[in-house]
């Protein structure tokens, strides 16, 4: 068995495509009827479609999972994040763990948690 993709639910596909392209450099691989596959295996799905499948409400900012990215030049990424065209909501700003890794945690426009850290 092989894990193929990670899917997150979004309210505005176009806004989310721009967010993940502008900040992380992810490109669209496939865009089809409320489902978008990005490079690196990230899939965006329209919240209305997801709700119809699971017949439950979507709970943003539930802090139950996160997308994790690594960036060796974390200071440049922080600058890009701070300069982003829309305000970013942080869970924690840049910090350093006791083992020396620097990380920042924030939410995408739909409340999906993201962590960006320096390589371990």
PDB file of N, CA and C in Angstrom:
ATOM      1  N   UNK A   1       0.839  -1.173   0.000  1.00  0.00           N
ATOM      2  CA  UNK A   1       0.000   0.000   0.000  1.00  0.00           C
ATOM      3  C   UNK A   1       0.891   1.245   0.000  1.00  0.00           C
ATOM      4  N   UNK A   2       0.384   2.318  -0.579  1.00  0.00           N
ATOM      5  CA  UNK A   2       1.171   3.545  -0.728  1.00  0.00           C
ATOM      6  C   UNK A   2       0.271   4.755  -0.486  1.00  0.00           C
ATOM      7  N   UNK A   3       0.719   5.673   0.357  1.00  0.00           N
ATOM      8  CA  UNK A   3      -0.011   6.925   0.563  1.00  0.00           C
ATOM      9  C   UNK A   3       0.198   7.799  -0.666  1.00  0.00           C
ATOM     10  N   UNK A   4      -0.888   8.238  -1.278  1.00  0.00           N
ATOM     11  CA  UNK A   4      -0.798   8.996  -2.526  1.00  0.00           C
ATOM     12  C   UNK A   4      -0.919  10.500  -2.334  1.00  0.00           C
ATOM     13  N   UNK A   5      -1.863  10.939  -1.514  1.00  0.00           N
ATOM     14  CA  UNK A   5      -2.119  12.365  -1.386  1.00  0.00           C
ATOM     15  C   UNK A   5      -2.589  12.697   0.026  1.00  0.00           C
ATOM     16  N   UNK A   6      -2.519  13.965   0.344  1.00  0.00           N
ATOM     17  CA  UNK A   6      -3.134  14.524   1.538  1.00  0.00           C
ATOM     18  C   UNK A   6      -4.157  15.544   1.039  1.00  0.00           C
ATOM     19  N   UNK A   7      -5.403  15.414   1.501  1.00  0.00           N
ATOM     20  CA  UNK A   7      -6.460  16.322   1.053  1.00  0.00           C
ATOM     21  C   UNK A   7      -6.870  17.243   2.185  1.00  0.00           C
ATOM     22  N   UNK A   8      -7.033  18.515   1.845  1.00  0.00           N
ATOM     23  CA  UNK A   8      -7.568  19.468   2.804  1.00  0.00           C
ATOM     24  C   UNK A   8      -8.798  20.130   2.192  1.00  0.00           C
ATOM     25  N   UNK A   9      -9.680  20.560   3.054  1.00  0.00           N
ATOM     26  CA  UNK A   9     -10.932  21.172   2.629  1.00  0.00           C
ATOM     27  C   UNK A   9     -10.761  22.688   2.625  1.00  0.00           C
ATOM     28  N   UNK A  10     -11.242  23.323   1.548  1.00  0.00           N
ATOM     29  CA  UNK A  10     -11.125  24.775   1.410  1.00  0.00           C
ATOM     30  C   UNK A  10     -12.446  25.366   0.931  1.00  0.00           C
ATOM     31  N   UNK A  11     -12.677  26.611   1.280  1.00  0.00           N
ATOM     32  CA  UNK A  11     -13.901  27.295   0.867  1.00  0.00           C
ATOM     33  C   UNK A  11     -13.776  27.992  -0.477  1.00  0.00           C
ATOM     34  N   UNK A  12     -12.574  28.407  -0.814  1.00  0.00           N
ATOM     35  CA  UNK A  12     -12.338  29.157  -2.043  1.00  0.00           C
ATOM     36  C   UNK A  12     -11.120  28.557  -2.742  1.00  0.00           C
ATOM     37  N   UNK A  13     -11.370  27.712  -3.714  1.00  0.00           N
ATOM     38  CA  UNK A  13     -10.293  27.002  -4.421  1.00  0.00           C
ATOM     39  C   UNK A  13      -9.265  27.970  -5.011  1.00  0.00           C
ATOM     40  N   UNK A  14      -9.737  29.031  -5.664  1.00  0.00           N
ATOM     41  CA  UNK A  14      -8.810  29.967  -6.316  1.00  0.00           C
ATOM     42  C   UNK A  14      -7.912  30.657  -5.286  1.00  0.00           C
ATOM     43  N   UNK A  15      -8.484  31.075  -4.192  1.00  0.00           N
ATOM     44  CA  UNK A  15      -7.716  31.723  -3.122  1.00  0.00           C
ATOM     45  C   UNK A  15      -6.674  30.759  -2.549  1.00  0.00           C
ATOM     46  N   UNK A  16      -7.079  29.512  -2.376  1.00  0.00           N
ATOM     47  CA  UNK A  16      -6.166  28.510  -1.827  1.00  0.00           C
ATOM     48  C   UNK A  16      -5.059  28.147  -2.807  1.00  0.00           C
ATOM     49  N   UNK A  17      -5.396  28.047  -4.091  1.00  0.00           N
ATOM     50  CA  UNK A  17      -4.354  27.778  -5.094  1.00  0.00           C
ATOM     51  C   UNK A  17      -3.309  28.888  -5.061  1.00  0.00           C
ATOM     52  N   UNK A  18      -3.755  30.136  -4.976  1.00  0.00           N
ATOM     53  CA  UNK A  18      -2.821  31.264  -4.928  1.00  0.00           C
ATOM     54  C   UNK A  18      -1.965  31.211  -3.662  1.00  0.00           C
ATOM     55  N   UNK A  19      -2.576  30.920  -2.532  1.00  0.00           N
ATOM     56  CA  UNK A  19      -1.862  30.851  -1.248  1.00  0.00           C
ATOM     57  C   UNK A  19      -0.735  29.824  -1.314  1.00  0.00           C
ATOM     58  N   UNK A  20      -1.052  28.622  -1.766  1.00  0.00           N
ATOM     59  CA  UNK A  20      -0.048  27.558  -1.792  1.00  0.00           C
ATOM     60  C   UNK A  20       0.998  27.762  -2.897  1.00  0.00           C
ATOM     61  N   UNK A  21       0.646  28.444  -3.958  1.00  0.00           N
ATOM     62  CA  UNK A  21       1.635  28.775  -5.000  1.00  0.00           C
ATOM     63  C   UNK A  21       2.545  29.899  -4.523  1.00  0.00           C
ATOM     64  N   UNK A  22       1.947  30.979  -4.022  1.00  0.00           N
ATOM     65  CA  UNK A  22       2.728  32.150  -3.629  1.00  0.00           C
ATOM     66  C   UNK A  22       3.688  31.866  -2.470  1.00  0.00           C
ATOM     67  N   UNK A  23       3.235  31.126  -1.479  1.00  0.00           N
ATOM     68  CA  UNK A  23       4.062  30.898  -0.299  1.00  0.00           C
ATOM     69  C   UNK A  23       4.933  29.651  -0.383  1.00  0.00           C
ATOM     70  N   UNK A  24       4.466  28.611  -1.069  1.00  0.00           N
ATOM     71  CA  UNK A  24       5.176  27.338  -1.060  1.00  0.00           C
ATOM     72  C   UNK A  24       5.651  26.877  -2.432  1.00  0.00           C
ATOM     73  N   UNK A  25       5.251  27.598  -3.481  1.00  0.00           N
ATOM     74  CA  UNK A  25       5.672  27.237  -4.829  1.00  0.00           C
ATOM     75  C   UNK A  25       4.964  26.023  -5.400  1.00  0.00           C
ATOM     76  N   UNK A  26       3.836  25.616  -4.821  1.00  0.00           N
ATOM     77  CA  UNK A  26       3.107  24.450  -5.329  1.00  0.00           C
ATOM     78  C   UNK A  26       2.344  24.821  -6.589  1.00  0.00           C
ATOM     79  N   UNK A  27       2.413  23.956  -7.571  1.00  0.00           N
ATOM     80  CA  UNK A  27       1.764  24.169  -8.863  1.00  0.00           C
ATOM     81  C   UNK A  27       0.571  23.233  -9.011  1.00  0.00           C
ATOM     82  N   UNK A  28      -0.375  23.630  -9.833  1.00  0.00           N
ATOM     83  CA  UNK A  28      -1.541  22.802 -10.109  1.00  0.00           C
ATOM     84  C   UNK A  28      -1.158  21.679 -11.068  1.00  0.00           C
ATOM     85  N   UNK A  29      -1.486  20.449 -10.684  1.00  0.00           N
ATOM     86  CA  UNK A  29      -1.277  19.279 -11.535  1.00  0.00           C
ATOM     87  C   UNK A  29      -2.584  18.947 -12.256  1.00  0.00           C
ATOM     88  N   UNK A  30      -3.703  19.033 -11.524  1.00  0.00           N
ATOM     89  CA  UNK A  30      -5.016  18.732 -12.079  1.00  0.00           C
ATOM     90  C   UNK A  30      -6.046  19.612 -11.384  1.00  0.00           C
ATOM     91  N   UNK A  31      -6.937  20.202 -12.160  1.00  0.00           N
ATOM     92  CA  UNK A  31      -7.996  21.063 -11.620  1.00  0.00           C
ATOM     93  C   UNK A  31      -9.304  20.592 -12.231  1.00  0.00           C
ATOM     94  N   UNK A  32     -10.156  19.957 -11.396  1.00  0.00           N
ATOM     95  CA  UNK A  32     -11.346  19.335 -11.938  1.00  0.00           C
ATOM     96  C   UNK A  32     -12.507  19.408 -10.952  1.00  0.00           C
ATOM     97  N   UNK A  33     -13.486  20.235 -11.262  1.00  0.00           N
ATOM     98  CA  UNK A  33     -14.764  20.253 -10.550  1.00  0.00           C
ATOM     99  C   UNK A  33     -14.644  20.307  -9.028  1.00  0.00           C
ATOM    100  N   UNK A  34     -13.948  21.284  -8.512  1.00  0.00           N
ATOM    101  CA  UNK A  34     -13.851  21.437  -7.060  1.00  0.00           C
ATOM    102  C   UNK A  34     -12.804  20.573  -6.400  1.00  0.00           C
ATOM    103  N   UNK A  35     -11.989  19.911  -7.186  1.00  0.00           N
ATOM    104  CA  UNK A  35     -10.874  19.103  -6.692  1.00  0.00           C
ATOM    105  C   UNK A  35      -9.620  19.530  -7.434  1.00  0.00           C
ATOM    106  N   UNK A  36      -8.598  19.907  -6.692  1.00  0.00           N
ATOM    107  CA  UNK A  36      -7.357  20.370  -7.299  1.00  0.00           C
ATOM    108  C   UNK A  36      -6.200  19.595  -6.690  1.00  0.00           C
ATOM    109  N   UNK A  37      -5.392  18.985  -7.547  1.00  0.00           N
ATOM    110  CA  UNK A  37      -4.176  18.319  -7.089  1.00  0.00           C
ATOM    111  C   UNK A  37      -3.016  19.266  -7.347  1.00  0.00           C
ATOM    112  N   UNK A  38      -2.239  19.508  -6.304  1.00  0.00           N
ATOM    113  CA  UNK A  38      -1.053  20.349  -6.396  1.00  0.00           C
ATOM    114  C   UNK A  38       0.188  19.467  -6.359  1.00  0.00           C
ATOM    115  N   UNK A  39       1.313  20.022  -6.773  1.00  0.00           N
ATOM    116  CA  UNK A  39       2.570  19.300  -6.655  1.00  0.00           C
ATOM    117  C   UNK A  39       2.802  18.970  -5.183  1.00  0.00           C
ATOM    118  N   UNK A  40       3.643  18.016  -4.934  1.00  0.00           N
ATOM    119  CA  UNK A  40       3.957  17.510  -3.591  1.00  0.00           C
ATOM    120  C   UNK A  40       2.819  16.699  -2.998  1.00  0.00           C
ATOM    121  N   UNK A  41       1.748  16.439  -3.778  1.00  0.00           N
ATOM    122  CA  UNK A  41       0.688  15.560  -3.320  1.00  0.00           C
ATOM    123  C   UNK A  41      -0.400  16.205  -2.489  1.00  0.00           C
ATOM    124  N   UNK A  42      -0.436  17.516  -2.434  1.00  0.00           N
ATOM    125  CA  UNK A  42      -1.488  18.191  -1.686  1.00  0.00           C
ATOM    126  C   UNK A  42      -2.721  18.344  -2.568  1.00  0.00           C
ATOM    127  N   UNK A  43      -3.882  17.959  -2.042  1.00  0.00           N
ATOM    128  CA  UNK A  43      -5.139  18.061  -2.769  1.00  0.00           C
ATOM    129  C   UNK A  43      -6.048  19.036  -2.036  1.00  0.00           C
ATOM    130  N   UNK A  44      -6.643  19.941  -2.789  1.00  0.00           N
ATOM    131  CA  UNK A  44      -7.634  20.876  -2.267  1.00  0.00           C
ATOM    132  C   UNK A  44      -9.001  20.400  -2.721  1.00  0.00           C
ATOM    133  N   UNK A  45      -9.955  20.361  -1.795  1.00  0.00           N
ATOM    134  CA  UNK A  45     -11.311  20.004  -2.177  1.00  0.00           C
ATOM    135  C   UNK A  45     -12.275  21.056  -1.650  1.00  0.00           C
ATOM    136  N   UNK A  46     -13.200  21.441  -2.506  1.00  0.00           N
ATOM    137  CA  UNK A  46     -14.224  22.411  -2.140  1.00  0.00           C
ATOM    138  C   UNK A  46     -15.013  21.901  -0.931  1.00  0.00           C
ATOM    139  N   UNK A  47     -15.202  22.763   0.057  1.00  0.00           N
ATOM    140  CA  UNK A  47     -15.873  22.377   1.307  1.00  0.00           C
ATOM    141  C   UNK A  47     -17.279  21.838   1.067  1.00  0.00           C
ATOM    142  N   UNK A  48     -18.011  22.395   0.113  1.00  0.00           N
ATOM    143  CA  UNK A  48     -19.374  21.928  -0.156  1.00  0.00           C
ATOM    144  C   UNK A  48     -19.372  20.476  -0.638  1.00  0.00           C
ATOM    145  N   UNK A  49     -18.403  20.121  -1.453  1.00  0.00           N
ATOM    146  CA  UNK A  49     -18.292  18.737  -1.930  1.00  0.00           C
ATOM    147  C   UNK A  49     -17.982  17.808  -0.760  1.00  0.00           C
ATOM    148  N   UNK A  50     -17.019  18.193   0.055  1.00  0.00           N
ATOM    149  CA  UNK A  50     -16.628  17.364   1.192  1.00  0.00           C
ATOM    150  C   UNK A  50     -17.793  17.164   2.161  1.00  0.00           C
ATOM    151  N   UNK A  51     -18.511  18.250   2.460  1.00  0.00           N
ATOM    152  CA  UNK A  51     -19.658  18.154   3.364  1.00  0.00           C
ATOM    153  C   UNK A  51     -20.719  17.207   2.815  1.00  0.00           C
ATOM    154  N   UNK A  52     -20.917  17.217   1.504  1.00  0.00           N
ATOM    155  CA  UNK A  52     -21.919  16.314   0.923  1.00  0.00           C
ATOM    156  C   UNK A  52     -21.480  14.858   1.021  1.00  0.00           C
ATOM    157  N   UNK A  53     -20.175  14.603   0.974  1.00  0.00           N
ATOM    158  CA  UNK A  53     -19.661  13.239   1.104  1.00  0.00           C
ATOM    159  C   UNK A  53     -19.792  12.718   2.531  1.00  0.00           C
ATOM    160  N   UNK A  54     -19.371  13.539   3.491  1.00  0.00           N
ATOM    161  CA  UNK A  54     -19.311  13.043   4.871  1.00  0.00           C
ATOM    162  C   UNK A  54     -20.570  13.343   5.677  1.00  0.00           C
ATOM    163  N   UNK A  55     -21.410  14.234   5.161  1.00  0.00           N
ATOM    164  CA  UNK A  55     -22.659  14.623   5.818  1.00  0.00           C
ATOM    165  C   UNK A  55     -22.414  15.126   7.244  1.00  0.00           C
ATOM    166  N   UNK A  56     -21.349  15.894   7.405  1.00  0.00           N
ATOM    167  CA  UNK A  56     -21.002  16.522   8.679  1.00  0.00           C
ATOM    168  C   UNK A  56     -20.419  17.895   8.384  1.00  0.00           C
ATOM    169  N   UNK A  57     -20.444  18.755   9.386  1.00  0.00           N
ATOM    170  CA  UNK A  57     -19.852  20.076   9.228  1.00  0.00           C
ATOM    171  C   UNK A  57     -18.330  19.979   9.224  1.00  0.00           C
ATOM    172  N   UNK A  58     -17.709  20.885   8.493  1.00  0.00           N
ATOM    173  CA  UNK A  58     -16.261  21.021   8.500  1.00  0.00           C
ATOM    174  C   UNK A  58     -15.897  21.917   9.680  1.00  0.00           C
ATOM    175  N   UNK A  59     -14.889  21.522  10.447  1.00  0.00           N
ATOM    176  CA  UNK A  59     -14.483  22.282  11.628  1.00  0.00           C
ATOM    177  C   UNK A  59     -13.101  22.878  11.371  1.00  0.00           C
ATOM    178  N   UNK A  60     -13.043  24.161  10.998  1.00  0.00           N
ATOM    179  CA  UNK A  60     -11.735  24.785  10.767  1.00  0.00           C
ATOM    180  C   UNK A  60     -11.002  25.016  12.085  1.00  0.00           C
ATOM    181  N   UNK A  61      -9.706  25.139  12.001  1.00  0.00           N
ATOM    182  CA  UNK A  61      -8.831  25.378  13.153  1.00  0.00           C
ATOM    183  C   UNK A  61      -9.063  24.368  14.267  1.00  0.00           C
ATOM    184  N   UNK A  62      -9.222  23.109  13.887  1.00  0.00           N
ATOM    185  CA  UNK A  62      -9.439  22.087  14.904  1.00  0.00           C
ATOM    186  C   UNK A  62      -8.132  21.596  15.520  1.00  0.00           C
ATOM    187  N   UNK A  63      -7.000  21.992  14.951  1.00  0.00           N
ATOM    188  CA  UNK A  63      -5.676  21.684  15.493  1.00  0.00           C
ATOM    189  C   UNK A  63      -5.432  20.185  15.677  1.00  0.00           C
ATOM    190  N   UNK A  64      -6.096  19.361  14.882  1.00  0.00           N
ATOM    191  CA  UNK A  64      -5.939  17.916  14.999  1.00  0.00           C
ATOM    192  C   UNK A  64      -4.878  17.371  14.050  1.00  0.00           C
ATOM    193  N   UNK A  65      -4.459  18.165  13.080  1.00  0.00           N
ATOM    194  CA  UNK A  65      -3.445  17.741  12.116  1.00  0.00           C
ATOM    195  C   UNK A  65      -2.789  18.991  11.547  1.00  0.00           C
ATOM    196  N   UNK A  66      -1.630  18.808  10.935  1.00  0.00           N
ATOM    197  CA  UNK A  66      -0.969  19.947  10.300  1.00  0.00           C
ATOM    198  C   UNK A  66      -0.250  19.496   9.046  1.00  0.00           C
ATOM    199  N   UNK A  67      -0.067  20.434   8.145  1.00  0.00           N
ATOM    200  CA  UNK A  67       0.802  20.229   6.995  1.00  0.00           C
ATOM    201  C   UNK A  67       2.185  20.698   7.429  1.00  0.00           C
ATOM    202  N   UNK A  68       3.208  19.905   7.171  1.00  0.00           N
ATOM    203  CA  UNK A  68       4.558  20.237   7.609  1.00  0.00           C
ATOM    204  C   UNK A  68       5.464  20.430   6.397  1.00  0.00           C
ATOM    205  N   UNK A  69       6.114  21.581   6.357  1.00  0.00           N
ATOM    206  CA  UNK A  69       7.073  21.906   5.302  1.00  0.00           C
ATOM    207  C   UNK A  69       8.415  22.211   5.953  1.00  0.00           C
ATOM    208  N   UNK A  70       9.504  21.947   5.226  1.00  0.00           N
ATOM    209  CA  UNK A  70      10.827  22.334   5.704  1.00  0.00           C
ATOM    210  C   UNK A  70      11.408  23.404   4.798  1.00  0.00           C
ATOM    211  N   UNK A  71      12.109  24.343   5.431  1.00  0.00           N
ATOM    212  CA  UNK A  71      12.737  25.454   4.711  1.00  0.00           C
ATOM    213  C   UNK A  71      14.030  25.805   5.425  1.00  0.00           C
ATOM    214  N   UNK A  72      15.155  25.696   4.728  1.00  0.00           N
ATOM    215  CA  UNK A  72      16.441  25.993   5.364  1.00  0.00           C
ATOM    216  C   UNK A  72      16.614  27.493   5.612  1.00  0.00           C
ATOM    217  N   UNK A  73      16.055  28.338   4.752  1.00  0.00           N
ATOM    218  CA  UNK A  73      16.144  29.791   4.938  1.00  0.00           C
ATOM    219  C   UNK A  73      14.840  30.292   5.567  1.00  0.00           C
ATOM    220  N   UNK A  74      14.638  29.948   6.818  1.00  0.00           N
ATOM    221  CA  UNK A  74      13.378  30.234   7.495  1.00  0.00           C
ATOM    222  C   UNK A  74      13.128  31.735   7.632  1.00  0.00           C
ATOM    223  N   UNK A  75      14.178  32.511   7.802  1.00  0.00           N
ATOM    224  CA  UNK A  75      13.996  33.962   7.950  1.00  0.00           C
ATOM    225  C   UNK A  75      13.415  34.576   6.675  1.00  0.00           C
ATOM    226  N   UNK A  76      13.881  34.119   5.502  1.00  0.00           N
ATOM    227  CA  UNK A  76      13.314  34.615   4.243  1.00  0.00           C
ATOM    228  C   UNK A  76      11.863  34.190   4.095  1.00  0.00           C
ATOM    229  N   UNK A  77      11.549  32.963   4.535  1.00  0.00           N
ATOM    230  CA  UNK A  77      10.165  32.520   4.470  1.00  0.00           C
ATOM    231  C   UNK A  77       9.283  33.364   5.392  1.00  0.00           C
ATOM    232  N   UNK A  78       9.771  33.683   6.574  1.00  0.00           N
ATOM    233  CA  UNK A  78       9.003  34.518   7.516  1.00  0.00           C
ATOM    234  C   UNK A  78       8.716  35.875   6.886  1.00  0.00           C
ATOM    235  N   UNK A  79       9.688  36.438   6.202  1.00  0.00           N
ATOM    236  CA  UNK A  79       9.493  37.722   5.514  1.00  0.00           C
ATOM    237  C   UNK A  79       8.405  37.590   4.454  1.00  0.00           C
ATOM    238  N   UNK A  80       8.446  36.513   3.672  1.00  0.00           N
ATOM    239  CA  UNK A  80       7.432  36.270   2.641  1.00  0.00           C
ATOM    240  C   UNK A  80       6.050  36.128   3.279  1.00  0.00           C
ATOM    241  N   UNK A  81       5.990  35.446   4.411  1.00  0.00           N
ATOM    242  CA  UNK A  81       4.735  35.249   5.127  1.00  0.00           C
ATOM    243  C   UNK A  81       4.194  36.587   5.641  1.00  0.00           C
ATOM    244  N   UNK A  82       5.067  37.390   6.204  1.00  0.00           N
ATOM    245  CA  UNK A  82       4.650  38.691   6.731  1.00  0.00           C
ATOM    246  C   UNK A  82       4.232  39.651   5.628  1.00  0.00           C
ATOM    247  N   UNK A  83       4.810  39.500   4.443  1.00  0.00           N
ATOM    248  CA  UNK A  83       4.486  40.372   3.314  1.00  0.00           C
ATOM    249  C   UNK A  83       3.326  39.854   2.470  1.00  0.00           C
ATOM    250  N   UNK A  84       2.749  38.715   2.837  1.00  0.00           N
ATOM    251  CA  UNK A  84       1.681  38.131   2.039  1.00  0.00           C
ATOM    252  C   UNK A  84       0.512  39.111   1.929  1.00  0.00           C
ATOM    253  N   UNK A  85      -0.178  39.065   0.795  1.00  0.00           N
ATOM    254  CA  UNK A  85      -1.209  40.054   0.473  1.00  0.00           C
ATOM    255  C   UNK A  85      -2.381  40.073   1.443  1.00  0.00           C
ATOM    256  N   UNK A  86      -2.585  39.006   2.192  1.00  0.00           N
ATOM    257  CA  UNK A  86      -3.643  38.954   3.198  1.00  0.00           C
ATOM    258  C   UNK A  86      -3.017  38.616   4.541  1.00  0.00           C
ATOM    259  N   UNK A  87      -3.589  39.101   5.632  1.00  0.00           N
ATOM    260  CA  UNK A  87      -3.015  38.786   6.955  1.00  0.00           C
ATOM    261  C   UNK A  87      -3.038  37.281   7.224  1.00  0.00           C
ATOM    262  N   UNK A  88      -1.985  36.799   7.838  1.00  0.00           N
ATOM    263  CA  UNK A  88      -1.868  35.393   8.200  1.00  0.00           C
ATOM    264  C   UNK A  88      -2.103  35.276   9.699  1.00  0.00           C
ATOM    265  N   UNK A  89      -2.905  34.299  10.095  1.00  0.00           N
ATOM    266  CA  UNK A  89      -3.166  34.072  11.514  1.00  0.00           C
ATOM    267  C   UNK A  89      -2.171  33.034  12.031  1.00  0.00           C
ATOM    268  N   UNK A  90      -1.383  33.419  13.025  1.00  0.00           N
ATOM    269  CA  UNK A  90      -0.355  32.548  13.578  1.00  0.00           C
ATOM    270  C   UNK A  90      -0.885  31.747  14.762  1.00  0.00           C
ATOM    271  N   UNK A  91      -0.432  30.514  14.870  1.00  0.00           N
ATOM    272  CA  UNK A  91      -0.609  29.757  16.098  1.00  0.00           C
ATOM    273  C   UNK A  91       0.578  30.076  16.997  1.00  0.00           C
ATOM    274  N   UNK A  92       1.774  30.033  16.442  1.00  0.00           N
ATOM    275  CA  UNK A  92       2.947  30.575  17.130  1.00  0.00           C
ATOM    276  C   UNK A  92       3.900  31.152  16.090  1.00  0.00           C
ATOM    277  N   UNK A  93       4.443  32.279  16.430  1.00  0.00           N
ATOM    278  CA  UNK A  93       5.423  32.920  15.549  1.00  0.00           C
ATOM    279  C   UNK A  93       6.732  32.149  15.632  1.00  0.00           C
ATOM    280  N   UNK A  94       7.713  32.593  14.881  1.00  0.00           N
ATOM    281  CA  UNK A  94       8.983  31.878  14.813  1.00  0.00           C
ATOM    282  C   UNK A  94       9.534  31.639  16.216  1.00  0.00           C
ATOM    283  N   UNK A  95       9.848  30.383  16.480  1.00  0.00           N
ATOM    284  CA  UNK A  95      10.401  29.989  17.773  1.00  0.00           C
ATOM    285  C   UNK A  95      11.473  28.945  17.524  1.00  0.00           C
ATOM    286  N   UNK A  96      12.263  28.664  18.542  1.00  0.00           N
ATOM    287  CA  UNK A  96      13.294  27.633  18.422  1.00  0.00           C
ATOM    288  C   UNK A  96      13.073  26.587  19.502  1.00  0.00           C
ATOM    289  N   UNK A  97      12.992  25.319  19.068  1.00  0.00           N
ATOM    290  CA  UNK A  97      12.838  24.211  20.008  1.00  0.00           C
ATOM    291  C   UNK A  97      14.160  23.960  20.732  1.00  0.00           C
ATOM    292  N   UNK A  98      14.094  23.236  21.821  1.00  0.00           N
ATOM    293  CA  UNK A  98      15.292  22.934  22.619  1.00  0.00           C
ATOM    294  C   UNK A  98      16.339  22.161  21.816  1.00  0.00           C
ATOM    295  N   UNK A  99      15.922  21.444  20.774  1.00  0.00           N
ATOM    296  CA  UNK A  99      16.866  20.685  19.952  1.00  0.00           C
ATOM    297  C   UNK A  99      17.430  21.513  18.799  1.00  0.00           C
ATOM    298  N   UNK A 100      17.075  22.813  18.739  1.00  0.00           N
ATOM    299  CA  UNK A 100      17.683  23.716  17.769  1.00  0.00           C
ATOM    300  C   UNK A 100      16.886  23.974  16.508  1.00  0.00           C
ATOM    301  N   UNK A 101      15.780  23.275  16.306  1.00  0.00           N
ATOM    302  CA  UNK A 101      14.971  23.499  15.105  1.00  0.00           C
ATOM    303  C   UNK A 101      14.117  24.754  15.286  1.00  0.00           C
ATOM    304  N   UNK A 102      14.125  25.603  14.270  1.00  0.00           N
ATOM    305  CA  UNK A 102      13.263  26.784  14.254  1.00  0.00           C
ATOM    306  C   UNK A 102      11.982  26.441  13.519  1.00  0.00           C
ATOM    307  N   UNK A 103      10.836  26.874  14.066  1.00  0.00           N
ATOM    308  CA  UNK A 103       9.541  26.582  13.455  1.00  0.00           C
ATOM    309  C   UNK A 103       8.591  27.763  13.610  1.00  0.00           C
ATOM    310  N   UNK A 104       7.631  27.810  12.698  1.00  0.00           N
ATOM    311  CA  UNK A 104       6.520  28.752  12.781  1.00  0.00           C
ATOM    312  C   UNK A 104       5.265  27.950  12.445  1.00  0.00           C
ATOM    313  N   UNK A 105       4.169  28.259  13.137  1.00  0.00           N
ATOM    314  CA  UNK A 105       2.893  27.589  12.853  1.00  0.00           C
ATOM    315  C   UNK A 105       1.836  28.648  12.602  1.00  0.00           C
ATOM    316  N   UNK A 106       1.040  28.410  11.576  1.00  0.00           N
ATOM    317  CA  UNK A 106       0.008  29.366  11.186  1.00  0.00           C
ATOM    318  C   UNK A 106      -1.083  28.623  10.434  1.00  0.00           C
ATOM    319  N   UNK A 107      -2.174  29.329  10.158  1.00  0.00           N
ATOM    320  CA  UNK A 107      -3.301  28.731   9.464  1.00  0.00           C
ATOM    321  C   UNK A 107      -3.365  29.225   8.026  1.00  0.00           C
ATOM    322  N   UNK A 108      -3.795  28.344   7.128  1.00  0.00           N
ATOM    323  CA  UNK A 108      -4.085  28.791   5.776  1.00  0.00           C
ATOM    324  C   UNK A 108      -5.419  29.545   5.805  1.00  0.00           C
ATOM    325  N   UNK A 109      -5.878  30.086   4.699  1.00  0.00           N
ATOM    326  CA  UNK A 109      -7.112  30.886   4.711  1.00  0.00           C
ATOM    327  C   UNK A 109      -8.351  30.134   5.206  1.00  0.00           C
ATOM    328  N   UNK A 110      -8.298  28.798   5.248  1.00  0.00           N
ATOM    329  CA  UNK A 110      -9.453  28.009   5.671  1.00  0.00           C
ATOM    330  C   UNK A 110      -9.272  27.354   7.029  1.00  0.00           C
ATOM    331  N   UNK A 111      -8.231  27.737   7.745  1.00  0.00           N
ATOM    332  CA  UNK A 111      -8.034  27.204   9.088  1.00  0.00           C
ATOM    333  C   UNK A 111      -7.290  25.893   9.153  1.00  0.00           C
ATOM    334  N   UNK A 112      -6.652  25.484   8.052  1.00  0.00           N
ATOM    335  CA  UNK A 112      -5.808  24.294   8.081  1.00  0.00           C
ATOM    336  C   UNK A 112      -4.454  24.697   8.659  1.00  0.00           C
ATOM    337  N   UNK A 113      -3.993  23.954   9.656  1.00  0.00           N
ATOM    338  CA  UNK A 113      -2.756  24.285  10.349  1.00  0.00           C
ATOM    339  C   UNK A 113      -1.542  23.896   9.511  1.00  0.00           C
ATOM    340  N   UNK A 114      -0.562  24.799   9.467  1.00  0.00           N
ATOM    341  CA  UNK A 114       0.681  24.587   8.723  1.00  0.00           C
ATOM    342  C   UNK A 114       1.843  24.849   9.654  1.00  0.00           C
ATOM    343  N   UNK A 115       2.854  23.991   9.581  1.00  0.00           N
ATOM    344  CA  UNK A 115       4.109  24.233  10.271  1.00  0.00           C
ATOM    345  C   UNK A 115       5.207  24.292   9.231  1.00  0.00           C
ATOM    346  N   UNK A 116       6.081  25.274   9.362  1.00  0.00           N
ATOM    347  CA  UNK A 116       7.281  25.354   8.531  1.00  0.00           C
ATOM    348  C   UNK A 116       8.460  25.360   9.502  1.00  0.00           C
ATOM    349  N   UNK A 117       9.371  24.427   9.269  1.00  0.00           N
ATOM    350  CA  UNK A 117      10.530  24.318  10.153  1.00  0.00           C
ATOM    351  C   UNK A 117      11.810  24.163   9.370  1.00  0.00           C
ATOM    352  N   UNK A 118      12.904  24.442  10.051  1.00  0.00           N
ATOM    353  CA  UNK A 118      14.202  24.206   9.445  1.00  0.00           C
ATOM    354  C   UNK A 118      14.462  22.706   9.433  1.00  0.00           C
ATOM    355  N   UNK A 119      15.251  22.207   8.491  1.00  0.00           N
ATOM    356  CA  UNK A 119      15.525  20.772   8.441  1.00  0.00           C
ATOM    357  C   UNK A 119      16.139  20.294   9.755  1.00  0.00           C
ATOM    358  N   UNK A 120      15.764  19.093  10.132  1.00  0.00           N
ATOM    359  CA  UNK A 120      16.252  18.519  11.396  1.00  0.00           C
ATOM    360  C   UNK A 120      17.560  17.811  11.161  1.00  0.00           C
TER     361      UNK A 120
END
